[in-house]
Every structure is written in structure tokens, then in C-alpha cells.
């Protein structure tokens, strides 16, 4: 059975409209690197929105250390299920500033066309020699949008539970989900290639996800397990996401951060997508020798 891979991009699947500010993208100089922090609607005001806001603030803290040279940081943030904006975090004369570039109403970013449109806006406002992408939302690894992941599977949204919040349960409706292949197609259609894609989501560090994204990014930085609702410690790792990207340091800071928390839980990994194709003949050999009967797996 053909497998599909899912990333929960919790946004509204309807027609798109946008409104640009008085910025002139034609005048934009080509940067060395543009990083897009992509924070779509998380499905409920009680879910991840407040954590996204803190993530942005933490990234501002890192940028306030003067880490930007010829790099730019743009943020796509959904403040509600129907409203979003694209803004830039800048550092000038010792101060961190925010410059709003564009507003969106009902951005259709569960589709290849919608995501490509956002990426084209990023290229227009902040053209660069290199691009990178941070995606903060819910993740379900290799499961497809059509898998029927819902309450019928006996799962309860994390905000209704009594345990510690993580970035796993949330927007479980297929209305708010996007297949990983759709994300890959969108990046390709925008004629972009990422230095890295950092998934600030649960369960996205898998070989299946890496395989689908192998042609659009060099590295995937993500968690193979759940990640706490706080997400990535951007105040600590921000300097390693900009300029001379250092995946090892990102992992070390992640470990250091979560090892001192009240809930000291966290797992992170880095996949070198340039090596994924070498696994194909190996997997073909394994699949030739062995068979797997999915009916033996209990639900």
C-alpha cells in the first residue's frame, strides 16, 4: 500500500486573499540567508498560539545579541484561524524591531499552491542566496491526512488532558492538515531549496519524512518523539540557525535546555538528506527478503 506522510499545518483551507504594506520588495537586496519561521494556526486558542508567541519572543532575544549580518529572518504567523501576517524581525542600532510585510485573510496553505504563494512572498520581500525554514505546529510523522487520525482512535486533545502539554495532540481534523509531499511540491514549485528544515513539532524525525523531503533540503532537524509545548529553545539555538548553521550545537543546546526543566524530556535528531538516496537500494533488498503483514499490528 502506498504510504503518504503528514505534517499538521493547522491553517484554514479556504480561498486566499492578502494585503501588502507599503514595502517595496523590488528594492530588496539579496541576503546571504533568509530564514522563514512558519507558525500556522494551531487549531484552538487554548492550544499552541501562546507558545508560538513566546517562540517569536525568544528568537527576538537571540537576534538582539547582534547575530544578523547579511541574513534576514521572516515570520509567518497565524493569529487566528482566518488571519495571518508575514513580518520581518530586524536588528538596528541596538534594538530589535518588527516590520510587517503583508497581511493574509484565509490563507490556503494546506495546498501546494497556497504554500508556494507564501514562499514566493518570502522570496519577493527577502531574496537570498540560501533559504532555511522553521515549521512550528502539530506533527504526526508518516501518517497521511487520509488516515482518519481523530477522536475515533481514542485520542484526546492535549488541552483537555491533565498531563503536561506537548506539541502532539491538537488539530486533528483533515481540514487543517497537509501531506509532507505537498510541502515538498510547494518548495519545488517556488524554485527553492532549503539549507535545513527544522520541525518544531512531534514525530517528524523519521526516515519517511526525510525521504519525501530529500530533494528540497540538505538537513532535517526534528524530534522522533513528542516535543514539549514550549518547543525549541530559540533564545539558545537562534545563533546556530543563522549564518554558519551548526546542527550539532542546536542539538546540544536543546539537550541542555530540557535537561534542566521541571519535565526533563526531549529527543532530537539531525538527518542528512544528501545521504537518503543511498538507503534506497538497501531498503529494496530488505523488502525483497522480508515481508510485513500489517494485519498483525493491533490498532
Protein backbone atom coordinates (compact mmCIF):
# COMPACT_ATOMS: atom_id res chain seq x y z
CA UNK A 1 0.00 0.00 0.00
CA UNK A 2 1.36 3.38 -0.96
CA UNK A 3 2.37 5.45 2.03
CA UNK A 4 1.90 9.17 2.42
CA UNK A 5 3.48 11.37 5.03
CA UNK A 6 1.70 14.04 7.03
CA UNK A 7 2.65 17.31 8.62
CA UNK A 8 -0.07 19.05 10.61
CA UNK A 9 -0.09 22.61 9.32
CA UNK A 10 -3.04 23.94 11.27
CA UNK A 11 -4.49 26.54 8.99
CA UNK A 12 -7.74 27.24 7.19
CA UNK A 13 -8.42 25.61 3.84
CA UNK A 14 -10.40 28.27 2.01
CA UNK A 15 -9.82 30.95 -0.58
CA UNK A 16 -6.85 33.25 -0.04
CA UNK A 17 -6.52 36.99 -0.01
CA UNK A 18 -3.67 39.20 1.04
CA UNK A 19 -2.83 42.82 1.65
CA UNK A 20 0.67 44.19 1.28
CA UNK A 21 2.08 47.05 3.31
CA UNK A 22 3.91 49.97 1.79
CA UNK A 23 7.11 47.96 1.38
CA UNK A 24 8.84 47.82 -1.98
CA UNK A 25 10.07 44.23 -2.50
CA UNK A 26 11.69 45.23 -5.78
CA UNK A 27 14.20 47.28 -3.81
CA UNK A 28 15.21 44.36 -1.59
CA UNK A 29 18.89 43.45 -1.65
CA UNK A 30 19.88 39.82 -1.94
CA UNK A 31 20.77 38.49 1.50
CA UNK A 32 23.21 35.71 2.27
CA UNK A 33 20.45 33.77 4.01
CA UNK A 34 16.73 34.14 4.68
CA UNK A 35 15.16 32.08 7.46
CA UNK A 36 11.39 31.64 7.42
CA UNK A 37 9.77 30.88 10.77
CA UNK A 38 6.46 29.32 9.78
CA UNK A 39 3.86 29.31 12.58
CA UNK A 40 0.38 28.48 11.30
CA UNK A 41 -2.83 28.35 13.30
CA UNK A 42 -2.72 25.55 15.87
CA UNK A 43 -6.43 24.77 15.81
CA UNK A 44 -7.60 26.29 19.09
CA UNK A 45 -6.88 29.37 21.18
CA UNK A 46 -6.05 27.04 24.08
CA UNK A 47 -3.52 25.12 22.03
CA UNK A 48 -0.13 26.36 20.85
CA UNK A 49 -0.69 30.02 19.94
CA UNK A 50 0.66 31.40 23.21
CA UNK A 51 3.73 29.18 22.87
CA UNK A 52 4.28 30.41 19.32
CA UNK A 53 4.22 33.98 20.61
CA UNK A 54 6.85 33.04 23.18
CA UNK A 55 8.92 31.30 20.48
CA UNK A 56 8.93 34.54 18.48
CA UNK A 57 9.95 36.49 21.58
CA UNK A 58 12.78 34.02 22.23
CA UNK A 59 14.02 34.35 18.66
CA UNK A 60 13.96 38.13 19.13
CA UNK A 61 16.16 37.64 22.18
CA UNK A 62 18.69 35.75 20.07
CA UNK A 63 18.56 38.37 17.32
CA UNK A 64 19.06 41.04 19.98
CA UNK A 65 22.52 39.61 20.54
CA UNK A 66 23.52 41.01 17.15
CA UNK A 67 23.68 37.71 15.28
CA UNK A 68 22.39 39.13 11.99
CA UNK A 69 24.91 40.27 9.40
CA UNK A 70 23.70 39.72 5.86
CA UNK A 71 20.91 37.41 6.98
CA UNK A 72 17.19 38.06 7.34
CA UNK A 73 14.51 36.43 9.48
CA UNK A 74 10.87 36.42 8.34
CA UNK A 75 7.93 35.06 10.34
CA UNK A 76 4.62 33.78 9.01
CA UNK A 77 2.23 33.75 11.98
CA UNK A 78 -1.47 32.93 12.14
CA UNK A 79 -3.06 34.93 14.95
CA UNK A 80 -6.48 33.33 14.32
CA UNK A 81 -7.89 30.64 12.07
CA UNK A 82 -8.51 33.24 9.34
CA UNK A 83 -5.87 35.91 9.92
CA UNK A 84 -2.13 35.72 9.36
CA UNK A 85 0.76 38.05 8.70
CA UNK A 86 4.26 37.94 7.29
CA UNK A 87 6.74 40.11 9.16
CA UNK A 88 10.48 40.56 9.49
CA UNK A 89 12.48 40.64 12.71
CA UNK A 90 15.25 43.22 12.36
CA UNK A 91 18.13 44.46 14.49
CA UNK A 92 19.34 48.02 14.13
CA UNK A 93 21.20 50.41 16.41
CA UNK A 94 20.98 48.06 19.36
CA UNK A 95 17.24 47.46 19.05
CA UNK A 96 15.08 44.61 17.78
CA UNK A 97 12.26 45.77 15.54
CA UNK A 98 9.37 44.14 13.68
CA UNK A 99 8.40 45.21 10.17
CA UNK A 100 5.08 43.84 8.91
CA UNK A 101 5.30 42.99 5.22
CA UNK A 102 1.92 41.51 4.42
CA UNK A 103 -1.43 40.50 5.89
CA UNK A 104 -3.41 37.43 4.84
CA UNK A 105 -7.08 36.54 5.11
CA UNK A 106 -7.91 32.83 4.97
CA UNK A 107 -4.51 31.70 3.65
CA UNK A 108 -4.98 28.44 1.76
CA UNK A 109 -1.80 26.77 2.88
CA UNK A 110 -2.97 23.21 3.08
CA UNK A 111 -2.39 23.14 -0.68
CA UNK A 112 0.73 23.17 -2.80
CA UNK A 113 -0.42 26.37 -4.50
CA UNK A 114 -1.07 28.12 -1.20
CA UNK A 115 2.26 27.20 0.37
CA UNK A 116 4.08 28.13 -2.83
CA UNK A 117 2.39 31.53 -2.75
CA UNK A 118 3.72 32.18 0.76
CA UNK A 119 7.21 31.07 -0.24
CA UNK A 120 7.09 33.33 -3.29
CA UNK A 121 6.21 36.23 -0.99
CA UNK A 122 9.25 35.39 1.13
CA UNK A 123 11.46 35.38 -1.97
CA UNK A 124 9.97 38.67 -3.13
CA UNK A 125 10.46 40.51 0.15
CA UNK A 126 13.72 38.86 1.24
CA UNK A 127 15.59 37.32 -1.72
CA UNK A 128 18.64 35.37 -0.62
CA UNK A 129 21.43 33.11 -1.75
CA UNK A 130 20.25 30.47 0.73
CA UNK A 131 16.95 29.71 2.46
CA UNK A 132 16.01 27.82 5.60
CA UNK A 133 12.65 27.00 7.15
CA UNK A 134 11.40 26.51 10.70
CA UNK A 135 7.95 24.91 10.97
CA UNK A 136 6.10 25.07 14.27
CA UNK A 137 2.80 23.22 14.56
CA UNK A 138 1.48 19.71 15.18
CA UNK A 139 3.18 16.71 13.65
CA UNK A 140 2.26 13.10 13.05
CA UNK A 141 5.27 11.86 11.12
CA UNK A 142 4.43 9.43 8.35
CA UNK A 143 0.64 9.16 8.82
CA UNK A 144 -1.37 10.60 5.92
CA UNK A 145 -4.12 13.19 6.00
CA UNK A 146 -6.48 10.42 4.94
CA UNK A 147 -5.51 8.18 7.87
CA UNK A 148 -8.50 9.28 9.94
CA UNK A 149 -6.41 10.31 12.94
CA UNK A 150 -9.16 11.62 15.19
CA UNK A 151 -11.13 11.01 18.33
CA UNK A 152 -12.30 7.76 16.74
CA UNK A 153 -8.83 6.46 17.53
CA UNK A 154 -9.42 7.13 21.21
CA UNK A 155 -7.18 10.19 21.39
CA UNK A 156 -7.99 13.33 23.33
CA UNK A 157 -6.64 16.81 22.50
CA UNK A 158 -3.79 17.68 24.87
CA UNK A 159 -5.51 20.79 26.23
CA UNK A 160 -8.32 18.57 27.57
CA UNK A 161 -5.91 16.30 29.39
CA UNK A 162 -4.37 16.65 32.82
CA UNK A 163 -0.79 15.91 31.82
CA UNK A 164 1.99 18.19 30.66
CA UNK A 165 1.35 19.91 27.33
CA UNK A 166 3.23 18.78 24.25
CA UNK A 167 3.09 19.66 20.57
CA UNK A 168 1.43 16.46 19.50
CA UNK A 169 -2.34 16.39 20.01
CA UNK A 170 -4.19 19.33 18.52
CA UNK A 171 -5.55 19.99 15.06
CA UNK A 172 -6.73 16.51 14.23
CA UNK A 173 -9.21 17.46 11.50
CA UNK A 174 -8.07 16.74 7.95
CA UNK A 175 -9.27 20.26 7.13
CA UNK A 176 -6.13 21.55 8.83
CA UNK A 177 -3.55 19.02 7.66
CA UNK A 178 -1.00 18.95 4.86
CA UNK A 179 0.86 15.97 3.47
CA UNK A 180 4.65 16.17 3.51
CA UNK A 181 4.64 15.52 -0.23
CA UNK A 182 2.55 18.66 -0.64
CA UNK A 183 5.14 20.66 1.29
CA UNK A 184 7.90 19.22 -0.89
CA UNK A 185 5.97 20.03 -4.06
CA UNK A 186 5.37 23.58 -2.82
CA UNK A 187 9.06 24.21 -2.16
CA UNK A 188 9.93 22.81 -5.58
CA UNK A 189 7.27 24.93 -7.31
CA UNK A 190 8.72 28.02 -5.61
CA UNK A 191 12.09 27.07 -7.11
CA UNK A 192 13.64 26.94 -3.66
CA UNK A 193 15.95 24.59 -1.81
CA UNK A 194 16.42 24.76 1.95
CA UNK A 195 19.69 24.51 3.83
CA UNK A 196 17.64 22.97 6.60
CA UNK A 197 14.06 22.44 7.68
CA UNK A 198 13.64 22.50 11.44
CA UNK A 199 10.38 20.89 12.55
CA UNK A 200 9.28 22.29 15.91
CA UNK A 201 6.69 19.50 16.03
CA UNK A 202 6.31 15.97 17.32
CA UNK A 203 7.35 12.83 15.46
CA UNK A 204 8.87 14.48 12.39
CA UNK A 205 12.37 12.98 12.67
CA UNK A 206 11.66 9.84 10.64
CA UNK A 207 13.22 8.27 7.58
CA UNK A 208 9.89 8.53 5.76
CA UNK A 209 9.72 12.29 6.22
CA UNK A 210 13.38 12.66 5.26
CA UNK A 211 12.82 10.63 2.11
CA UNK A 212 9.95 12.83 0.94
CA UNK A 213 11.98 16.00 1.56
CA UNK A 214 15.35 14.75 0.32
CA UNK A 215 15.21 16.86 -2.84
CA UNK A 216 14.25 20.16 -1.17
CA UNK A 217 16.50 20.36 1.89
CA UNK A 218 20.00 19.37 2.98
CA UNK A 219 19.15 18.73 6.61
CA UNK A 220 16.11 17.96 8.72
CA UNK A 221 16.34 18.87 12.39
CA UNK A 222 13.44 17.39 14.33
CA UNK A 223 12.19 15.20 17.16
CA UNK A 224 11.43 11.49 16.68
CA UNK A 225 9.20 11.65 19.76
CA UNK A 226 6.86 14.24 21.22
CA UNK A 227 8.24 17.68 21.97
CA UNK A 228 7.03 19.76 24.89
CA UNK A 229 4.66 22.62 24.10
CA UNK A 230 7.46 25.11 24.79
CA UNK A 231 9.08 23.91 21.60
CA UNK A 232 12.63 24.68 20.57
CA UNK A 233 14.68 26.98 22.85
CA UNK A 234 15.17 29.73 20.25
CA UNK A 235 16.91 32.10 22.65
CA UNK A 236 19.64 29.46 22.93
CA UNK A 237 19.73 27.98 19.43
CA UNK A 238 18.97 31.11 17.40
CA UNK A 239 22.62 31.92 16.79
CA UNK A 240 23.17 28.44 15.34
CA UNK A 241 20.24 28.78 12.93
CA UNK A 242 21.65 31.92 11.35
CA UNK A 243 24.69 32.28 9.11
CA UNK A 244 27.05 29.38 9.71
CA UNK A 245 24.39 26.82 10.65
CA UNK A 246 25.55 24.31 13.26
CA UNK A 247 23.16 21.33 13.67
CA UNK A 248 25.34 19.74 16.35
CA UNK A 249 25.19 22.85 18.53
CA UNK A 250 21.44 23.07 18.01
CA UNK A 251 21.06 19.55 19.38
CA UNK A 252 23.42 20.22 22.29
CA UNK A 253 21.53 23.37 23.31
CA UNK A 254 18.21 21.52 23.02
CA UNK A 255 19.51 18.79 25.32
CA UNK A 256 20.97 21.30 27.77
CA UNK A 257 17.72 23.27 27.88
CA UNK A 258 15.36 20.38 28.50
CA UNK A 259 17.65 18.51 30.89
CA UNK A 260 17.14 21.31 33.43
CA UNK A 261 13.35 21.68 33.08
CA UNK A 262 10.74 20.51 35.57
CA UNK A 263 9.78 17.93 32.95
CA UNK A 264 13.22 16.96 31.59
CA UNK A 265 12.02 15.25 28.43
CA UNK A 266 13.26 15.72 24.91
CA UNK A 267 14.68 13.82 21.94
CA UNK A 268 16.19 15.40 18.85
CA UNK A 269 17.99 14.26 15.73
CA UNK A 270 19.52 15.53 12.50
CA UNK A 271 19.05 13.82 9.15
CA UNK A 272 21.50 14.46 6.32
CA UNK A 273 19.14 14.28 3.36
CA UNK A 274 22.01 14.08 0.89
CA UNK A 275 22.56 10.52 2.12
CA UNK A 276 18.96 9.34 1.84
CA UNK A 277 19.19 8.08 -1.75
CA UNK A 278 21.91 5.64 -0.69
CA UNK A 279 19.33 3.91 1.51
CA UNK A 280 17.01 3.12 -1.41
CA UNK A 281 18.85 0.01 -2.71
CA UNK A 282 19.33 -1.19 0.86
CA UNK A 283 15.61 -0.91 1.58
CA UNK A 284 14.78 -2.63 -1.69
CA UNK A 285 16.98 -5.54 -0.68
CA UNK A 286 15.35 -5.72 2.75
CA UNK A 287 11.87 -5.59 1.25
CA UNK A 288 12.79 -8.36 -1.17
CA UNK A 289 13.96 -10.63 1.63
CA UNK A 290 11.27 -9.88 4.18
CA UNK A 291 7.53 -9.21 4.17
CA UNK A 292 5.37 -7.32 6.63
CA UNK A 293 1.77 -8.20 7.36
CA UNK A 294 0.05 -5.07 8.64
CA UNK A 295 -2.93 -7.13 9.80
CA UNK A 296 -0.77 -8.46 12.62
CA UNK A 297 -0.49 -4.99 14.12
CA UNK A 298 -3.24 -4.10 16.60
CA UNK A 299 -4.89 -0.68 16.36
